[in-house]
Amino acid sequence: MGQPNPFRFSVQCFNTTSAQAWRDTVRKAEDLGYSAFHLADHYMGPGPALEAAAHPVQDVAAVPAMAMAAEASKTIKIGCRVFCTGYRPPAVLVKEAMTLDFLSEGRLELGLGAGWITSEYEAMGIPFDPPGKRIQLLEETIKLAKQGIKSEQLDVDGDFVHVKGYQSVPKPVNANVPIMIGGGAPRILKLAGREADIVSINFNNRAGMIGPDGVGTSTHDETMQKIGWIKEGAGERFDDIELEIGAYFTFVTDAAEATAEQFGQMFGLSKEEMLRHPHALFGTTDAIADELQKRREEFGISYVCVPNDVAEAFAPVVAKLQGT
């Protein structure tokens, strides 16, 4: 591994109470020193489908919320962790993404993924294809997105994406819009290693919902295996990739062991496994900063996303490590 990437931190936000609260949230993330503000690409409100997914409600749709976040801020990057490529026609997604970069004056991080919440597809009446087909759609969408970033004549004739006959406009302000690809299974992480600027290491969401299976497939050892799949896909370009992870279970606390033990019991993991879990951070500011430096040395992970509800408590870690 070459010189490690400097630390970056992002906030992921799902909920808001008003338009003004949304503006205030993104401005606060910017003021606290976070480098990016992210949403997720989910649509379900409360109900049986959401309960089946065990996923938090996302109040607002990603694309207009990203546009408002860009308008409310000045420097922070705007992204989605990650757009599900099966939720809208690829040509529409690329047009919207390039427009977001154009209107934000070059601040887009384009996150792409294959989709995974079974009950959400069913609830919205969208076919939930087998993993191989969803990943093939993702691969073809990436090809289209790269043509869009270059503002080229669009020409993709794949198994799922058929787009041709016109130039992609608007031309993005950032000539190198970074593409983030997220996932947790071998094929998608090898694809990410081959194609992405940023690889978002996630749970293996084969269960189609949040639960013990996903958390259990993301332990220390499992994550090391995922790094191996990324390396396999990347080859010589691995050192050029930024590795990102969602620290979904983040608690700035003096009671690290007790908190980790509690979460371990929820997911069938020991306290020790939970303390080492790459998607979890428990401890004081200094302890978390030390743990992140250790993980960067071990995994190469330098880009960390935390939930918005801990953004303020986590800000001293950002101040200590951002850019180092």
Protein backbone atom coordinates (compact mmCIF):
# COMPACT_ATOMS: atom_id res chain seq x y z
CA MET A 1 0.00 0.00 0.00
CA GLY A 2 1.28 3.45 -0.89
CA GLN A 3 0.94 6.70 1.02
CA PRO A 4 -2.42 6.63 2.87
CA ASN A 5 -5.16 9.00 1.78
CA PRO A 6 -5.86 11.90 4.17
CA PHE A 7 -8.89 11.53 6.40
CA ARG A 8 -12.23 12.83 5.21
CA PHE A 9 -15.57 12.73 6.99
CA SER A 10 -19.16 12.99 5.83
CA VAL A 11 -22.59 13.19 7.42
CA GLN A 12 -25.53 11.11 6.24
CA CYS A 13 -28.97 12.55 6.94
CA PHE A 14 -32.35 10.84 6.57
CA ASN A 15 -34.86 13.09 8.30
CA THR A 16 -35.93 16.69 8.61
CA THR A 17 -38.84 18.60 10.09
CA SER A 18 -38.98 21.52 7.65
CA ALA A 19 -37.23 23.13 4.71
CA GLN A 20 -35.45 25.54 7.04
CA ALA A 21 -34.33 22.68 9.27
CA TRP A 22 -32.86 20.98 6.18
CA ARG A 23 -30.91 24.10 5.27
CA ASP A 24 -29.69 24.43 8.84
CA THR A 25 -28.59 20.79 8.94
CA VAL A 26 -26.36 21.00 5.88
CA ARG A 27 -24.92 24.37 6.97
CA LYS A 28 -24.11 22.93 10.37
CA ALA A 29 -22.31 19.97 8.79
CA GLU A 30 -20.30 22.41 6.68
CA ASP A 31 -19.49 24.62 9.69
CA LEU A 32 -18.39 21.58 11.72
CA GLY A 33 -15.78 20.75 9.09
CA TYR A 34 -17.31 17.73 7.37
CA SER A 35 -16.24 17.37 3.76
CA ALA A 36 -19.50 15.94 2.40
CA PHE A 37 -23.23 15.78 3.10
CA HIS A 38 -24.96 12.59 2.00
CA LEU A 39 -28.44 11.16 1.70
CA ALA A 40 -29.56 7.65 0.87
CA ASP A 41 -31.79 6.71 -2.07
CA HIS A 42 -34.87 5.38 -0.29
CA TYR A 43 -38.54 6.27 -0.56
CA MET A 44 -40.70 4.34 1.91
CA GLY A 45 -42.65 6.06 4.63
CA PRO A 46 -43.88 4.28 7.76
CA GLY A 47 -45.73 1.01 7.22
CA PRO A 48 -45.32 -2.75 6.90
CA ALA A 49 -42.80 -2.52 4.04
CA LEU A 50 -40.49 -0.29 6.07
CA GLU A 51 -40.88 -2.51 9.12
CA ALA A 52 -39.85 -5.52 7.03
CA ALA A 53 -36.69 -3.68 5.97
CA ALA A 54 -35.84 -2.54 9.53
CA HIS A 55 -34.63 0.65 7.87
CA PRO A 56 -35.08 4.24 9.09
CA VAL A 57 -37.57 6.47 7.31
CA GLN A 58 -36.07 8.84 4.78
CA ASP A 59 -38.41 11.81 4.71
CA VAL A 60 -37.18 13.46 1.51
CA ALA A 61 -36.30 12.27 -1.98
CA ALA A 62 -32.58 12.33 -2.66
CA VAL A 63 -32.29 14.45 -5.82
CA PRO A 64 -34.30 17.55 -4.78
CA ALA A 65 -32.90 17.33 -1.25
CA MET A 66 -29.36 17.27 -2.66
CA ALA A 67 -30.18 20.30 -4.81
CA MET A 68 -31.45 22.22 -1.79
CA ALA A 69 -28.42 21.15 0.25
CA ALA A 70 -26.15 22.49 -2.48
CA GLU A 71 -28.02 25.79 -2.59
CA ALA A 72 -27.88 26.14 1.21
CA SER A 73 -24.11 25.58 1.42
CA LYS A 74 -20.93 26.90 -0.14
CA THR A 75 -18.12 24.34 -0.06
CA ILE A 76 -19.32 20.98 1.24
CA LYS A 77 -19.65 18.17 -1.30
CA ILE A 78 -23.12 16.77 -1.94
CA GLY A 79 -23.75 13.09 -2.47
CA CYS A 80 -25.94 10.04 -2.14
CA ARG A 81 -24.77 6.82 -0.48
CA VAL A 82 -25.83 5.48 -2.96
CA PHE A 83 -28.29 5.87 -5.83
CA CYS A 84 -30.04 2.56 -6.54
CA THR A 85 -29.65 2.17 -10.28
CA GLY A 86 -32.93 0.25 -10.61
CA TYR A 87 -35.08 3.09 -9.27
CA ARG A 88 -34.99 5.37 -12.32
CA PRO A 89 -33.99 5.06 -15.99
CA PRO A 90 -30.18 5.32 -16.27
CA ALA A 91 -30.41 8.20 -18.77
CA VAL A 92 -32.55 10.14 -16.29
CA LEU A 93 -30.17 9.43 -13.41
CA VAL A 94 -27.13 10.61 -15.40
CA LYS A 95 -28.96 13.77 -16.52
CA GLU A 96 -29.95 14.55 -12.94
CA ALA A 97 -26.44 13.85 -11.63
CA MET A 98 -24.71 16.07 -14.17
CA THR A 99 -27.25 18.81 -13.45
CA LEU A 100 -26.51 18.53 -9.73
CA ASP A 101 -22.80 18.98 -10.38
CA PHE A 102 -23.49 21.89 -12.73
CA LEU A 103 -25.77 23.70 -10.27
CA SER A 104 -23.54 23.00 -7.24
CA GLU A 105 -20.53 24.33 -9.19
CA GLY A 106 -18.62 21.06 -9.08
CA ARG A 107 -19.51 19.65 -5.66
CA LEU A 108 -21.16 16.34 -6.61
CA GLU A 109 -19.97 12.95 -5.37
CA LEU A 110 -21.86 10.47 -7.53
CA GLY A 111 -22.69 7.37 -5.51
CA LEU A 112 -24.02 4.33 -7.38
CA GLY A 113 -25.17 0.92 -6.18
CA ALA A 114 -27.19 -2.09 -7.26
CA GLY A 115 -30.04 -1.70 -4.73
CA TRP A 116 -30.88 -4.14 -1.95
CA ILE A 117 -34.06 -3.54 0.10
CA THR A 118 -36.42 -6.26 -1.12
CA SER A 119 -39.55 -4.83 0.48
CA GLU A 120 -38.91 -1.37 -0.99
CA TYR A 121 -38.78 -2.71 -4.54
CA GLU A 122 -41.98 -4.67 -3.90
CA ALA A 123 -43.73 -1.72 -2.24
CA MET A 124 -42.93 0.59 -5.16
CA GLY A 125 -43.80 -1.98 -7.83
CA ILE A 126 -40.26 -2.20 -9.21
CA PRO A 127 -39.00 -5.67 -10.25
CA PHE A 128 -36.34 -6.97 -7.85
CA ASP A 129 -34.03 -8.81 -10.24
CA PRO A 130 -31.47 -11.38 -9.08
CA PRO A 131 -28.12 -9.92 -7.92
CA GLY A 132 -26.31 -10.68 -11.18
CA LYS A 133 -28.81 -8.68 -13.23
CA ARG A 134 -28.83 -5.77 -10.79
CA ILE A 135 -25.04 -5.61 -10.84
CA GLN A 136 -25.00 -5.79 -14.65
CA LEU A 137 -27.38 -2.80 -14.73
CA LEU A 138 -25.05 -0.99 -12.33
CA GLU A 139 -22.04 -1.73 -14.54
CA GLU A 140 -23.76 -0.39 -17.64
CA THR A 141 -24.98 2.69 -15.73
CA ILE A 142 -21.40 3.41 -14.65
CA LYS A 143 -20.35 3.35 -18.30
CA LEU A 144 -23.12 5.83 -19.15
CA ALA A 145 -22.20 8.05 -16.20
CA LYS A 146 -18.57 8.22 -17.29
CA GLN A 147 -19.68 9.36 -20.73
CA GLY A 148 -21.89 11.96 -19.05
CA ILE A 149 -19.02 13.25 -16.92
CA LYS A 150 -17.06 13.86 -20.12
CA SER A 151 -20.15 15.40 -21.76
CA GLU A 152 -19.75 12.94 -24.60
CA GLN A 153 -22.22 11.62 -27.14
CA LEU A 154 -24.06 8.97 -25.14
CA ASP A 155 -23.75 5.50 -26.61
CA VAL A 156 -24.38 2.47 -24.42
CA ASP A 157 -26.10 -0.61 -25.85
CA GLY A 158 -25.99 -3.22 -23.12
CA ASP A 159 -28.28 -5.88 -21.76
CA PHE A 160 -30.20 -3.29 -19.72
CA VAL A 161 -29.06 0.20 -20.77
CA HIS A 162 -29.88 1.38 -24.29
CA VAL A 163 -29.04 5.05 -24.70
CA LYS A 164 -27.79 6.73 -27.88
CA GLY A 165 -28.23 9.61 -30.26
CA TYR A 166 -27.53 12.69 -28.15
CA GLN A 167 -24.82 14.48 -26.22
CA SER A 168 -24.92 14.55 -22.45
CA VAL A 169 -25.66 18.05 -21.16
CA PRO A 170 -25.09 20.03 -19.05
CA LYS A 171 -21.36 19.60 -18.92
CA PRO A 172 -20.40 19.15 -15.26
CA VAL A 173 -18.27 21.86 -13.69
CA ASN A 174 -15.98 19.20 -12.21
CA ALA A 175 -14.31 17.46 -15.14
CA ASN A 176 -13.56 14.55 -12.82
CA VAL A 177 -16.80 14.01 -10.91
CA PRO A 178 -15.84 11.27 -8.43
CA ILE A 179 -17.83 8.06 -8.72
CA MET A 180 -18.50 6.20 -5.48
CA ILE A 181 -19.62 2.58 -5.79
CA GLY A 182 -21.05 0.92 -2.71
CA GLY A 183 -21.55 -2.70 -1.77
CA GLY A 184 -20.44 -5.64 0.31
CA ALA A 185 -20.39 -8.73 -1.91
CA PRO A 186 -17.53 -10.07 -4.07
CA ARG A 187 -18.79 -9.19 -7.55
CA ILE A 188 -19.82 -5.63 -6.76
CA LEU A 189 -16.61 -4.88 -4.83
CA LYS A 190 -14.47 -6.22 -7.67
CA LEU A 191 -16.47 -4.00 -10.04
CA ALA A 192 -15.93 -1.07 -7.67
CA GLY A 193 -12.21 -1.75 -7.57
CA ARG A 194 -12.12 -1.65 -11.35
CA GLU A 195 -14.31 1.41 -11.93
CA ALA A 196 -14.71 3.62 -8.84
CA ASP A 197 -12.83 6.62 -7.51
CA ILE A 198 -14.33 5.93 -4.06
CA VAL A 199 -15.35 2.47 -2.86
CA SER A 200 -18.00 2.53 -0.14
CA ILE A 201 -17.57 -0.67 1.87
CA ASN A 202 -20.95 -1.79 3.13
CA PHE A 203 -22.70 -4.77 4.65
CA ASN A 204 -23.36 -7.75 2.43
CA ASN A 205 -27.06 -6.99 2.14
CA ARG A 206 -28.02 -10.38 0.72
CA ALA A 207 -30.87 -10.63 3.28
CA GLY A 208 -32.57 -7.60 1.69
CA MET A 209 -32.99 -5.93 5.09
CA ILE A 210 -30.98 -4.57 7.99
CA GLY A 211 -30.26 -7.19 10.64
CA PRO A 212 -27.75 -9.58 12.20
CA ASP A 213 -26.77 -11.15 8.87
CA GLY A 214 -25.59 -7.86 7.38
CA VAL A 215 -23.79 -6.76 10.52
CA GLY A 216 -22.24 -10.21 10.90
CA THR A 217 -20.87 -10.11 7.36
CA SER A 218 -19.03 -6.88 8.13
CA THR A 219 -16.77 -7.77 11.05
CA HIS A 220 -13.05 -7.07 11.16
CA ASP A 221 -12.12 -10.27 9.32
CA GLU A 222 -14.97 -9.98 6.82
CA THR A 223 -13.94 -6.43 6.00
CA MET A 224 -10.36 -7.53 5.40
CA GLN A 225 -11.75 -10.03 2.89
CA LYS A 226 -13.73 -7.23 1.22
CA ILE A 227 -10.54 -5.20 0.85
CA GLY A 228 -9.08 -8.22 -0.94
CA TRP A 229 -11.96 -8.25 -3.43
CA ILE A 230 -11.46 -4.54 -4.11
CA LYS A 231 -7.75 -5.12 -4.67
CA GLU A 232 -8.53 -7.99 -7.03
CA GLY A 233 -10.70 -5.75 -9.16
CA ALA A 234 -8.41 -2.73 -8.97
CA GLY A 235 -5.04 -4.27 -9.71
CA GLU A 236 -2.39 -1.58 -10.07
CA ARG A 237 -4.90 1.27 -9.55
CA PHE A 238 -5.73 0.25 -5.96
CA ASP A 239 -3.59 3.01 -4.43
CA ASP A 240 -5.58 5.59 -6.41
CA ILE A 241 -8.87 4.54 -4.79
CA GLU A 242 -10.33 6.20 -1.70
CA LEU A 243 -11.91 3.67 0.67
CA GLU A 244 -15.04 4.85 2.49
CA ILE A 245 -17.16 3.23 5.19
CA GLY A 246 -20.31 4.06 7.09
CA ALA A 247 -19.76 4.12 10.86
CA TYR A 248 -23.42 3.39 11.53
CA PHE A 249 -22.92 2.62 15.22
CA THR A 250 -21.01 5.67 16.46
CA PHE A 251 -21.08 6.71 20.10
CA VAL A 252 -18.75 9.30 21.59
CA THR A 253 -18.83 8.04 25.15
CA ASP A 254 -16.85 7.20 28.27
CA ALA A 255 -18.71 3.87 28.45
CA ALA A 256 -17.31 2.25 25.32
CA GLU A 257 -17.24 -1.33 26.56
CA ALA A 258 -20.75 -1.31 27.98
CA THR A 259 -22.16 0.26 24.81
CA ALA A 260 -20.32 -2.21 22.58
CA GLU A 261 -21.55 -5.12 24.67
CA GLN A 262 -25.13 -3.92 24.32
CA PHE A 263 -24.88 -3.72 20.54
CA GLY A 264 -23.05 -7.02 20.35
CA GLN A 265 -25.96 -8.73 22.07
CA MET A 266 -28.34 -7.26 19.49
CA PHE A 267 -26.36 -8.73 16.60
CA GLY A 268 -25.00 -11.95 18.09
CA LEU A 269 -21.44 -10.64 18.39
CA SER A 270 -19.10 -10.49 21.35
CA LYS A 271 -18.14 -7.20 22.97
CA GLU A 272 -14.63 -7.59 21.52
CA GLU A 273 -15.99 -8.16 18.01
CA MET A 274 -18.19 -5.10 18.32
CA LEU A 275 -15.33 -2.90 19.54
CA ARG A 276 -13.32 -3.92 16.45
CA HIS A 277 -16.28 -3.74 14.08
CA PRO A 278 -15.32 -1.43 11.18
CA HIS A 279 -18.86 0.02 11.05
CA ALA A 280 -18.81 0.91 14.75
CA LEU A 281 -16.98 3.50 16.83
CA PHE A 282 -17.26 3.58 20.62
CA GLY A 283 -15.20 5.77 22.93
CA THR A 284 -13.91 9.21 23.74
CA THR A 285 -12.74 11.62 21.06
CA ASP A 286 -9.11 10.59 21.54
CA ALA A 287 -9.92 6.88 21.61
CA ILE A 288 -11.97 7.07 18.42
CA ALA A 289 -9.27 9.12 16.68
CA ASP A 290 -6.67 6.53 17.66
CA GLU A 291 -8.91 3.70 16.45
CA LEU A 292 -9.49 5.38 13.08
CA GLN A 293 -5.75 5.85 12.57
CA LYS A 294 -5.24 2.19 13.39
CA ARG A 295 -7.93 1.15 10.92
CA ARG A 296 -6.49 3.35 8.18
CA GLU A 297 -3.14 1.65 8.66
CA GLU A 298 -4.74 -1.80 8.64
CA PHE A 299 -7.49 -1.45 6.02
CA GLY A 300 -6.59 1.71 4.13
CA ILE A 301 -9.97 3.25 5.03
CA SER A 302 -9.66 7.04 5.23
CA TYR A 303 -13.18 8.29 4.45
CA VAL A 304 -15.75 7.83 7.22
CA CYS A 305 -19.46 8.63 7.18
CA VAL A 306 -21.39 9.13 10.44
CA PRO A 307 -25.12 9.56 11.04
CA ASN A 308 -26.33 13.13 11.33
CA ASP A 309 -27.62 12.61 14.87
CA VAL A 310 -24.03 12.22 16.13
CA ALA A 311 -22.47 14.86 13.86
CA GLU A 312 -22.01 17.42 16.61
CA ALA A 313 -20.65 14.96 19.19
CA PHE A 314 -18.28 13.54 16.56
CA ALA A 315 -17.07 16.97 15.37
CA PRO A 316 -13.97 17.01 17.67
CA VAL A 317 -12.79 13.84 15.91
CA VAL A 318 -13.25 15.60 12.57
CA ALA A 319 -11.30 18.60 13.83
CA LYS A 320 -8.49 16.36 15.02
CA LEU A 321 -8.11 14.15 11.92
CA GLN A 322 -9.63 15.90 8.87
CA GLY A 323 -6.98 16.23 6.17
CA THR A 324 -4.21 14.47 8.14
